[in-house]
Amino acid sequence: MRFFIILWFLAYFSTSYANDVAQLSVIGFSKNAKFFAFEQFGTHESSNENYADLFLLDIEKNDFATKPFQQTSMQKPLEELRETNKSKAKSKLKELQLLKPEIGHHLLNHPLTDLSGSPYQVEFSLQPVLGGTSSDLYSLNLEVKETDQECFGLGKAKIFTLTLKGKNDNQIQILQKDTQLPSSRGCPLNYRIAEIIAYQDKIVVFLNMFFAGTEGHNMRYLAVTAHINNSYKKKTL
């Protein structure tokens, strides 16, 4: 079973902050399609503390390529924290061919303001579907399951299974299947499909991950990476 990408939570993530919604910035893929980088950043509304995280991922392993680069500050602005991360990560970004990354193709974007459709299942194609043309078609399914762990009286912590189905031939690829809740994930109350990005035969799926805040849910991004099976991946992007 593949290992999964979990966002590296600091100890204060277990402390509730109201309406703390992280922003996502995609850096891109290495030219050899082996690595991927992105940022998440935001402000804890209760404390006004800024945070910025930079993640470098090994796509084939579906794991971190190196320990995440993270900054927090009560005084420094977000842009300064982000630039500090990039400066500290520069040598690693160069090593992984991510200084001049490939942006890839945004196949789907499902922001929190979009209330249409299911948050757990989406359909997409790898190429634009125009009149008289065909493409590889897929459905992505997110199955959320309760654990026995209580989240501050607000419900049970959740784990998930993420599967990709080739609609042309009905083959199913398991991208991620939780068997237990990682302690570093905290106490997630739910997940939601947020965004899909692809480059060559690699895919990155971003999930929204929600956890308890003082006046509602807070949100971080969780990324699952995979190599689309050659058995039903016929075209390159």
Protein backbone atom coordinates (compact mmCIF):
# COMPACT_ATOMS: atom_id res chain seq x y z
CA MET A 1 0.00 0.00 0.00
CA ARG A 2 1.21 3.43 -0.87
CA PHE A 3 2.20 5.80 1.84
CA PHE A 4 0.24 9.02 1.87
CA ILE A 5 1.08 12.66 2.03
CA ILE A 6 0.06 14.25 5.31
CA LEU A 7 0.57 17.92 5.97
CA TRP A 8 3.13 18.40 8.71
CA PHE A 9 1.15 19.85 11.62
CA LEU A 10 2.83 21.76 14.40
CA ALA A 11 1.81 21.12 17.98
CA TYR A 12 -0.40 24.20 18.02
CA PHE A 13 -2.64 22.70 15.36
CA SER A 14 -4.33 20.74 18.14
CA THR A 15 -5.36 24.08 19.68
CA SER A 16 -8.56 25.39 18.13
CA TYR A 17 -8.53 28.53 16.02
CA ALA A 18 -11.70 30.02 14.56
CA ASN A 19 -12.13 30.27 10.79
CA ASP A 20 -8.52 29.39 10.03
CA VAL A 21 -8.58 28.57 6.31
CA ALA A 22 -5.21 27.98 4.66
CA GLN A 23 -4.43 29.39 1.23
CA LEU A 24 -2.86 27.15 -1.42
CA SER A 25 -0.11 28.11 -3.87
CA VAL A 26 1.12 25.51 -6.37
CA ILE A 27 4.81 25.78 -7.28
CA GLY A 28 4.83 22.91 -9.77
CA PHE A 29 6.48 19.72 -10.99
CA SER A 30 10.09 18.91 -11.73
CA LYS A 31 10.80 18.46 -15.44
CA ASN A 32 11.37 14.73 -14.91
CA ALA A 33 7.92 14.50 -13.23
CA LYS A 34 9.41 12.93 -10.10
CA PHE A 35 8.80 15.76 -7.64
CA PHE A 36 6.16 18.35 -6.82
CA ALA A 37 6.14 21.47 -4.61
CA PHE A 38 3.41 23.61 -3.10
CA GLU A 39 2.78 26.08 -0.28
CA GLN A 40 0.00 26.64 2.19
CA PHE A 41 -0.20 29.75 4.36
CA GLY A 42 -2.57 31.86 6.39
CA THR A 43 -3.31 33.56 9.71
CA HIS A 44 -4.70 32.13 12.92
CA GLU A 45 -7.57 34.51 13.58
CA SER A 46 -7.60 33.99 17.34
CA SER A 47 -3.91 34.79 17.76
CA ASN A 48 -3.15 36.78 14.58
CA GLU A 49 -0.12 34.53 14.13
CA ASN A 50 0.95 34.09 10.49
CA TYR A 51 2.12 30.71 9.24
CA ALA A 52 3.69 29.54 5.96
CA ASP A 53 4.56 25.97 4.95
CA LEU A 54 6.50 24.76 1.90
CA PHE A 55 6.22 21.09 0.91
CA LEU A 56 8.43 19.10 -1.48
CA LEU A 57 6.89 15.77 -2.47
CA ASP A 58 8.21 12.58 -4.01
CA ILE A 59 5.37 11.73 -6.40
CA GLU A 60 6.13 8.06 -6.99
CA LYS A 61 6.53 7.35 -3.25
CA ASN A 62 3.54 9.54 -2.31
CA ASP A 63 5.60 10.95 0.54
CA PHE A 64 7.72 13.93 1.53
CA ALA A 65 10.94 14.35 -0.44
CA THR A 66 12.35 16.22 2.54
CA LYS A 67 11.13 17.66 5.82
CA PRO A 68 8.70 20.56 5.19
CA PHE A 69 9.95 24.13 5.51
CA GLN A 70 7.78 26.07 7.98
CA GLN A 71 7.68 29.54 9.48
CA THR A 72 5.40 31.23 12.03
CA SER A 73 5.43 34.78 13.37
CA MET A 74 3.24 37.27 15.15
CA GLN A 75 5.09 40.22 13.62
CA LYS A 76 6.36 39.20 10.17
CA PRO A 77 3.99 39.38 7.18
CA LEU A 78 3.04 36.29 5.22
CA GLU A 79 5.12 37.20 2.17
CA GLU A 80 8.25 37.47 4.30
CA LEU A 81 7.60 34.06 5.84
CA ARG A 82 7.07 32.55 2.39
CA GLU A 83 10.26 34.08 1.06
CA THR A 84 12.18 32.75 4.07
CA ASN A 85 10.94 29.25 3.30
CA LYS A 86 11.97 29.53 -0.35
CA SER A 87 15.39 30.84 0.63
CA LYS A 88 15.96 27.99 3.07
CA ALA A 89 14.70 25.47 0.51
CA LYS A 90 16.67 26.85 -2.46
CA SER A 91 19.37 24.19 -2.54
CA LYS A 92 16.80 21.40 -2.25
CA LEU A 93 14.60 23.00 -4.89
CA LYS A 94 17.61 23.08 -7.20
CA GLU A 95 18.50 19.46 -6.45
CA LEU A 96 14.95 18.33 -7.25
CA GLN A 97 14.72 20.46 -10.43
CA LEU A 98 12.04 22.68 -8.91
CA LEU A 99 13.64 26.12 -9.29
CA LYS A 100 12.06 26.42 -12.74
CA PRO A 101 9.11 24.05 -12.36
CA GLU A 102 6.52 22.85 -14.82
CA ILE A 103 3.10 24.15 -13.81
CA GLY A 104 1.22 21.12 -15.09
CA HIS A 105 -2.46 21.03 -16.00
CA HIS A 106 -5.22 22.04 -13.61
CA LEU A 107 -7.87 19.44 -14.34
CA LEU A 108 -10.32 20.46 -11.62
CA ASN A 109 -10.72 23.26 -9.09
CA HIS A 110 -13.40 22.98 -6.42
CA PRO A 111 -13.07 25.95 -4.01
CA LEU A 112 -14.90 26.06 -0.69
CA THR A 113 -17.31 28.60 -2.16
CA ASP A 114 -18.45 26.06 -4.78
CA LEU A 115 -21.45 24.24 -3.30
CA SER A 116 -22.44 22.43 -6.50
CA GLY A 117 -21.91 18.72 -6.99
CA SER A 118 -20.59 16.15 -4.55
CA PRO A 119 -17.55 16.90 -2.35
CA TYR A 120 -16.68 13.21 -2.48
CA GLN A 121 -16.87 12.30 -6.18
CA VAL A 122 -15.83 14.12 -9.34
CA GLU A 123 -15.34 13.24 -13.00
CA PHE A 124 -12.66 14.70 -15.25
CA SER A 125 -10.71 14.17 -18.44
CA LEU A 126 -6.98 14.44 -19.03
CA GLN A 127 -7.49 16.59 -22.11
CA PRO A 128 -10.18 19.05 -23.25
CA VAL A 129 -13.19 17.23 -24.63
CA LEU A 130 -14.26 19.03 -27.80
CA GLY A 131 -16.63 18.08 -30.57
CA GLY A 132 -15.36 15.02 -32.39
CA THR A 133 -12.46 14.40 -29.99
CA SER A 134 -11.93 11.85 -27.25
CA SER A 135 -9.86 11.74 -24.08
CA ASP A 136 -9.03 9.51 -21.14
CA LEU A 137 -11.95 9.86 -18.74
CA TYR A 138 -11.77 9.27 -14.99
CA SER A 139 -13.87 9.39 -11.86
CA LEU A 140 -12.28 10.16 -8.50
CA ASN A 141 -14.02 8.86 -5.39
CA LEU A 142 -13.37 9.90 -1.79
CA GLU A 143 -14.77 7.56 0.85
CA VAL A 144 -14.72 8.93 4.40
CA LYS A 145 -14.93 6.61 7.41
CA GLU A 146 -15.28 7.25 11.15
CA THR A 147 -12.70 6.07 13.68
CA ASP A 148 -13.24 5.51 17.39
CA GLN A 149 -11.37 8.71 18.28
CA GLU A 150 -13.53 11.56 19.64
CA CYS A 151 -12.82 15.14 18.52
CA PHE A 152 -13.60 17.34 21.51
CA GLY A 153 -17.23 16.21 21.58
CA LEU A 154 -17.82 17.42 18.01
CA GLY A 155 -17.81 14.00 16.36
CA LYS A 156 -15.51 11.15 15.47
CA ALA A 157 -12.15 11.62 13.73
CA LYS A 158 -12.22 10.50 10.09
CA ILE A 159 -9.95 8.53 7.78
CA PHE A 160 -10.39 8.10 4.03
CA THR A 161 -9.89 6.00 0.92
CA LEU A 162 -9.22 7.74 -2.41
CA THR A 163 -9.69 5.78 -5.65
CA LEU A 164 -9.33 6.61 -9.33
CA LYS A 165 -11.45 4.78 -11.90
CA GLY A 166 -10.70 4.76 -15.62
CA LYS A 167 -14.13 5.19 -17.19
CA ASN A 168 -12.92 3.90 -20.56
CA ASP A 169 -12.22 0.44 -19.14
CA ASN A 170 -13.52 0.52 -15.51
CA GLN A 171 -10.11 -0.24 -13.99
CA ILE A 172 -9.71 1.06 -10.43
CA GLN A 173 -6.49 2.41 -8.91
CA ILE A 174 -6.25 2.96 -5.13
CA LEU A 175 -4.41 6.25 -4.60
CA GLN A 176 -4.68 6.23 -0.81
CA LYS A 177 -6.28 3.93 1.75
CA ASP A 178 -6.05 4.76 5.43
CA THR A 179 -6.01 1.82 7.80
CA GLN A 180 -5.59 4.01 10.88
CA LEU A 181 -5.45 7.71 11.69
CA PRO A 182 -1.91 9.15 11.75
CA SER A 183 -1.26 11.10 14.95
CA SER A 184 0.29 13.95 12.94
CA ARG A 185 -3.07 14.56 11.23
CA GLY A 186 -4.63 15.69 14.49
CA CYS A 187 -8.38 15.15 14.72
CA PRO A 188 -9.88 15.65 11.24
CA LEU A 189 -13.67 15.83 11.14
CA ASN A 190 -14.06 15.58 7.37
CA TYR A 191 -12.37 15.72 3.96
CA ARG A 192 -13.36 17.10 0.57
CA ILE A 193 -11.96 16.94 -2.98
CA ALA A 194 -10.49 20.38 -3.71
CA GLU A 195 -8.21 20.30 -6.77
CA ILE A 196 -6.57 17.98 -9.30
CA ILE A 197 -3.31 18.76 -11.13
CA ALA A 198 -1.51 16.53 -13.64
CA TYR A 199 1.79 16.48 -15.54
CA GLN A 200 2.84 13.73 -17.92
CA ASP A 201 1.60 10.52 -16.24
CA LYS A 202 1.58 11.93 -12.70
CA ILE A 203 -1.36 13.29 -10.74
CA VAL A 204 -1.70 15.35 -7.56
CA VAL A 205 -5.03 15.44 -5.74
CA PHE A 206 -5.55 18.11 -3.09
CA LEU A 207 -8.08 17.45 -0.36
CA ASN A 208 -9.53 19.96 2.06
CA MET A 209 -9.10 18.60 5.58
CA PHE A 210 -11.34 20.09 8.27
CA PHE A 211 -10.77 20.11 12.01
CA ALA A 212 -12.39 21.77 15.00
CA GLY A 213 -12.13 25.50 15.66
CA THR A 214 -13.65 27.59 18.43
CA GLU A 215 -16.46 28.89 16.20
CA GLY A 216 -16.47 26.45 13.32
CA HIS A 217 -14.16 24.32 11.22
CA ASN A 218 -10.58 25.17 10.28
CA MET A 219 -9.01 23.85 7.08
CA ARG A 220 -5.64 22.64 5.83
CA TYR A 221 -4.67 21.00 2.54
CA LEU A 222 -3.67 17.39 2.23
CA ALA A 223 -2.03 16.16 -1.01
CA VAL A 224 -2.11 12.66 -2.48
CA THR A 225 0.27 11.95 -5.38
CA ALA A 226 0.29 9.04 -7.81
CA HIS A 227 1.53 7.62 -11.07
CA ILE A 228 -1.46 6.86 -13.30
CA ASN A 229 -1.35 3.18 -14.18
CA ASN A 230 0.02 2.51 -17.67
CA SER A 231 -2.60 -0.20 -18.11
CA TYR A 232 -5.19 2.44 -18.86
CA LYS A 233 -3.15 5.62 -19.26
CA LYS A 234 -2.61 5.80 -23.02
CA LYS A 235 -1.86 9.46 -23.69
CA THR A 236 0.64 11.98 -22.36
CA LEU A 237 -0.48 15.42 -21.28
